[in-house]
């Protein structure tokens, strides 16, 4: 548990303008690097691209608590990268806030 609250997870699906998937993928890579560097309360930040449609992305993020999730949305990099680059390219966006109930880290496969 985080600073006085339950962990929070965000699940988002982005549908972007046809042909803009490469720009969105590059921007999400930059966002992930920035979040890892600047947001210690973000435990997990994953973005994946559909194998069926290169203009569809799914994001999964975990935060120590609701305050950390809300703080994420107020960061300069969220404003610049998500609101400034990705949002104008969206045809639709679905988001759901979740409370994690179980999980693992790593692949579980020995090297």
C-alpha atoms as a PDB file:
ATOM      1  CA  UNK A   1       0.000   0.000   0.000  1.00  0.00           C
ATOM      2  CA  UNK A   2       1.124   3.537  -0.696  1.00  0.00           C
ATOM      3  CA  UNK A   3       0.989   6.734   1.330  1.00  0.00           C
ATOM      4  CA  UNK A   4      -2.323   6.244   3.037  1.00  0.00           C
ATOM      5  CA  UNK A   5      -4.281   4.489   0.296  1.00  0.00           C
ATOM      6  CA  UNK A   6      -4.687   1.471  -1.899  1.00  0.00           C
ATOM      7  CA  UNK A   7      -2.631   1.008  -5.016  1.00  0.00           C
ATOM      8  CA  UNK A   8      -4.234   2.156  -8.247  1.00  0.00           C
ATOM      9  CA  UNK A   9      -3.892   0.811 -11.749  1.00  0.00           C
ATOM     10  CA  UNK A  10      -4.897   2.406 -15.012  1.00  0.00           C
ATOM     11  CA  UNK A  11      -5.886   0.446 -18.094  1.00  0.00           C
ATOM     12  CA  UNK A  12      -6.205   2.511 -21.265  1.00  0.00           C
ATOM     13  CA  UNK A  13      -6.863   1.714 -24.914  1.00  0.00           C
ATOM     14  CA  UNK A  14      -5.899   4.234 -27.563  1.00  0.00           C
ATOM     15  CA  UNK A  15      -7.206   4.143 -31.130  1.00  0.00           C
ATOM     16  CA  UNK A  16      -5.198   6.627 -33.185  1.00  0.00           C
ATOM     17  CA  UNK A  17      -5.542   8.197 -36.611  1.00  0.00           C
ATOM     18  CA  UNK A  18      -4.649   5.729 -39.391  1.00  0.00           C
ATOM     19  CA  UNK A  19      -0.942   5.861 -40.135  1.00  0.00           C
ATOM     20  CA  UNK A  20       0.038   7.661 -36.920  1.00  0.00           C
ATOM     21  CA  UNK A  21       0.948   4.536 -34.957  1.00  0.00           C
ATOM     22  CA  UNK A  22       4.703   4.969 -35.353  1.00  0.00           C
ATOM     23  CA  UNK A  23       4.576   8.499 -33.910  1.00  0.00           C
ATOM     24  CA  UNK A  24       2.474   7.274 -30.987  1.00  0.00           C
ATOM     25  CA  UNK A  25       4.791   4.299 -30.356  1.00  0.00           C
ATOM     26  CA  UNK A  26       7.858   6.561 -30.271  1.00  0.00           C
ATOM     27  CA  UNK A  27       6.085   9.006 -27.954  1.00  0.00           C
ATOM     28  CA  UNK A  28       5.009   6.200 -25.596  1.00  0.00           C
ATOM     29  CA  UNK A  29       8.617   4.938 -25.463  1.00  0.00           C
ATOM     30  CA  UNK A  30       9.750   8.442 -24.492  1.00  0.00           C
ATOM     31  CA  UNK A  31       6.961   8.657 -21.915  1.00  0.00           C
ATOM     32  CA  UNK A  32       7.943   5.318 -20.362  1.00  0.00           C
ATOM     33  CA  UNK A  33      11.582   6.417 -20.046  1.00  0.00           C
ATOM     34  CA  UNK A  34      10.556   9.722 -18.468  1.00  0.00           C
ATOM     35  CA  UNK A  35       8.112   8.109 -16.047  1.00  0.00           C
ATOM     36  CA  UNK A  36      10.759   5.579 -14.968  1.00  0.00           C
ATOM     37  CA  UNK A  37      13.217   8.404 -14.315  1.00  0.00           C
ATOM     38  CA  UNK A  38      10.924  11.030 -12.764  1.00  0.00           C
ATOM     39  CA  UNK A  39       8.006   9.232 -11.065  1.00  0.00           C
ATOM     40  CA  UNK A  40       9.117   6.879  -8.270  1.00  0.00           C
ATOM     41  CA  UNK A  41       5.476   6.353  -7.229  1.00  0.00           C
ATOM     42  CA  UNK A  42       4.734   4.775 -10.619  1.00  0.00           C
ATOM     43  CA  UNK A  43       5.468   1.095 -10.089  1.00  0.00           C
ATOM     44  CA  UNK A  44       4.606  -0.143 -13.577  1.00  0.00           C
ATOM     45  CA  UNK A  45       4.247   1.623 -16.916  1.00  0.00           C
ATOM     46  CA  UNK A  46       3.687  -0.627 -19.921  1.00  0.00           C
ATOM     47  CA  UNK A  47       2.502   0.264 -23.397  1.00  0.00           C
ATOM     48  CA  UNK A  48       1.776  -2.358 -26.053  1.00  0.00           C
ATOM     49  CA  UNK A  49       0.768  -2.170 -29.713  1.00  0.00           C
ATOM     50  CA  UNK A  50      -1.848  -4.390 -31.304  1.00  0.00           C
ATOM     51  CA  UNK A  51      -0.606  -7.069 -33.681  1.00  0.00           C
ATOM     52  CA  UNK A  52      -3.884  -6.802 -35.610  1.00  0.00           C
ATOM     53  CA  UNK A  53      -4.036  -3.021 -35.958  1.00  0.00           C
ATOM     54  CA  UNK A  54      -0.855  -0.907 -35.718  1.00  0.00           C
ATOM     55  CA  UNK A  55      -2.957   2.103 -34.742  1.00  0.00           C
ATOM     56  CA  UNK A  56      -4.261   0.550 -31.498  1.00  0.00           C
ATOM     57  CA  UNK A  57      -2.371   0.685 -28.195  1.00  0.00           C
ATOM     58  CA  UNK A  58      -3.035  -0.592 -24.684  1.00  0.00           C
ATOM     59  CA  UNK A  59      -1.420   0.955 -21.622  1.00  0.00           C
ATOM     60  CA  UNK A  60      -1.207  -0.592 -18.170  1.00  0.00           C
ATOM     61  CA  UNK A  61       0.106   1.491 -15.295  1.00  0.00           C
ATOM     62  CA  UNK A  62       0.336   0.928 -11.526  1.00  0.00           C
ATOM     63  CA  UNK A  63       0.791   3.608  -8.873  1.00  0.00           C
ATOM     64  CA  UNK A  64       1.429   3.469  -5.127  1.00  0.00           C
ATOM     65  CA  UNK A  65      -1.907   5.145  -4.487  1.00  0.00           C
ATOM     66  CA  UNK A  66      -4.541   7.412  -5.971  1.00  0.00           C
ATOM     67  CA  UNK A  67      -2.517  10.534  -5.165  1.00  0.00           C
ATOM     68  CA  UNK A  68       0.376   9.210  -7.275  1.00  0.00           C
ATOM     69  CA  UNK A  69      -1.967   8.497 -10.190  1.00  0.00           C
ATOM     70  CA  UNK A  70      -3.415  11.995  -9.971  1.00  0.00           C
ATOM     71  CA  UNK A  71       0.079  13.514  -9.694  1.00  0.00           C
ATOM     72  CA  UNK A  72       1.120  11.641 -12.855  1.00  0.00           C
ATOM     73  CA  UNK A  73      -1.538  13.512 -14.825  1.00  0.00           C
ATOM     74  CA  UNK A  74      -0.118  16.845 -13.634  1.00  0.00           C
ATOM     75  CA  UNK A  75       3.503  16.243 -14.696  1.00  0.00           C
ATOM     76  CA  UNK A  76       5.095  18.337 -17.445  1.00  0.00           C
ATOM     77  CA  UNK A  77       5.840  15.200 -19.490  1.00  0.00           C
ATOM     78  CA  UNK A  78       2.182  14.112 -19.366  1.00  0.00           C
ATOM     79  CA  UNK A  79       1.185  17.512 -20.685  1.00  0.00           C
ATOM     80  CA  UNK A  80       3.829  17.575 -23.391  1.00  0.00           C
ATOM     81  CA  UNK A  81       3.790  13.956 -24.576  1.00  0.00           C
ATOM     82  CA  UNK A  82       0.303  12.623 -23.872  1.00  0.00           C
ATOM     83  CA  UNK A  83      -1.847  15.744 -24.096  1.00  0.00           C
ATOM     84  CA  UNK A  84       0.394  17.531 -26.601  1.00  0.00           C
ATOM     85  CA  UNK A  85       1.357  14.745 -29.021  1.00  0.00           C
ATOM     86  CA  UNK A  86      -0.890  11.711 -28.548  1.00  0.00           C
ATOM     87  CA  UNK A  87      -4.301  13.167 -27.676  1.00  0.00           C
ATOM     88  CA  UNK A  88      -4.544  15.159 -30.943  1.00  0.00           C
ATOM     89  CA  UNK A  89      -3.974  11.874 -32.836  1.00  0.00           C
ATOM     90  CA  UNK A  90      -6.662   9.893 -30.988  1.00  0.00           C
ATOM     91  CA  UNK A  91      -9.850   8.735 -32.634  1.00  0.00           C
ATOM     92  CA  UNK A  92     -10.949   7.241 -29.288  1.00  0.00           C
ATOM     93  CA  UNK A  93      -9.609   6.607 -25.808  1.00  0.00           C
ATOM     94  CA  UNK A  94     -11.012   4.313 -23.147  1.00  0.00           C
ATOM     95  CA  UNK A  95      -9.678   4.418 -19.588  1.00  0.00           C
ATOM     96  CA  UNK A  96     -10.492   2.484 -16.458  1.00  0.00           C
ATOM     97  CA  UNK A  97      -9.121   2.917 -12.946  1.00  0.00           C
ATOM     98  CA  UNK A  98      -8.551  -0.367 -11.108  1.00  0.00           C
ATOM     99  CA  UNK A  99      -7.382  -1.696  -7.748  1.00  0.00           C
ATOM    100  CA  UNK A 100      -4.779  -4.450  -8.281  1.00  0.00           C
ATOM    101  CA  UNK A 101      -5.709  -7.724  -6.585  1.00  0.00           C
ATOM    102  CA  UNK A 102      -2.917 -10.101  -7.668  1.00  0.00           C
ATOM    103  CA  UNK A 103       0.217 -10.146  -9.769  1.00  0.00           C
ATOM    104  CA  UNK A 104       3.760 -11.300 -10.311  1.00  0.00           C
ATOM    105  CA  UNK A 105       6.960  -9.790 -11.547  1.00  0.00           C
ATOM    106  CA  UNK A 106       9.335 -11.385 -13.997  1.00  0.00           C
ATOM    107  CA  UNK A 107       8.684 -14.143 -16.471  1.00  0.00           C
ATOM    108  CA  UNK A 108       8.840 -17.050 -14.066  1.00  0.00           C
ATOM    109  CA  UNK A 109      11.154 -18.765 -16.544  1.00  0.00           C
ATOM    110  CA  UNK A 110      14.725 -19.497 -15.547  1.00  0.00           C
ATOM    111  CA  UNK A 111      17.404 -18.297 -17.923  1.00  0.00           C
END
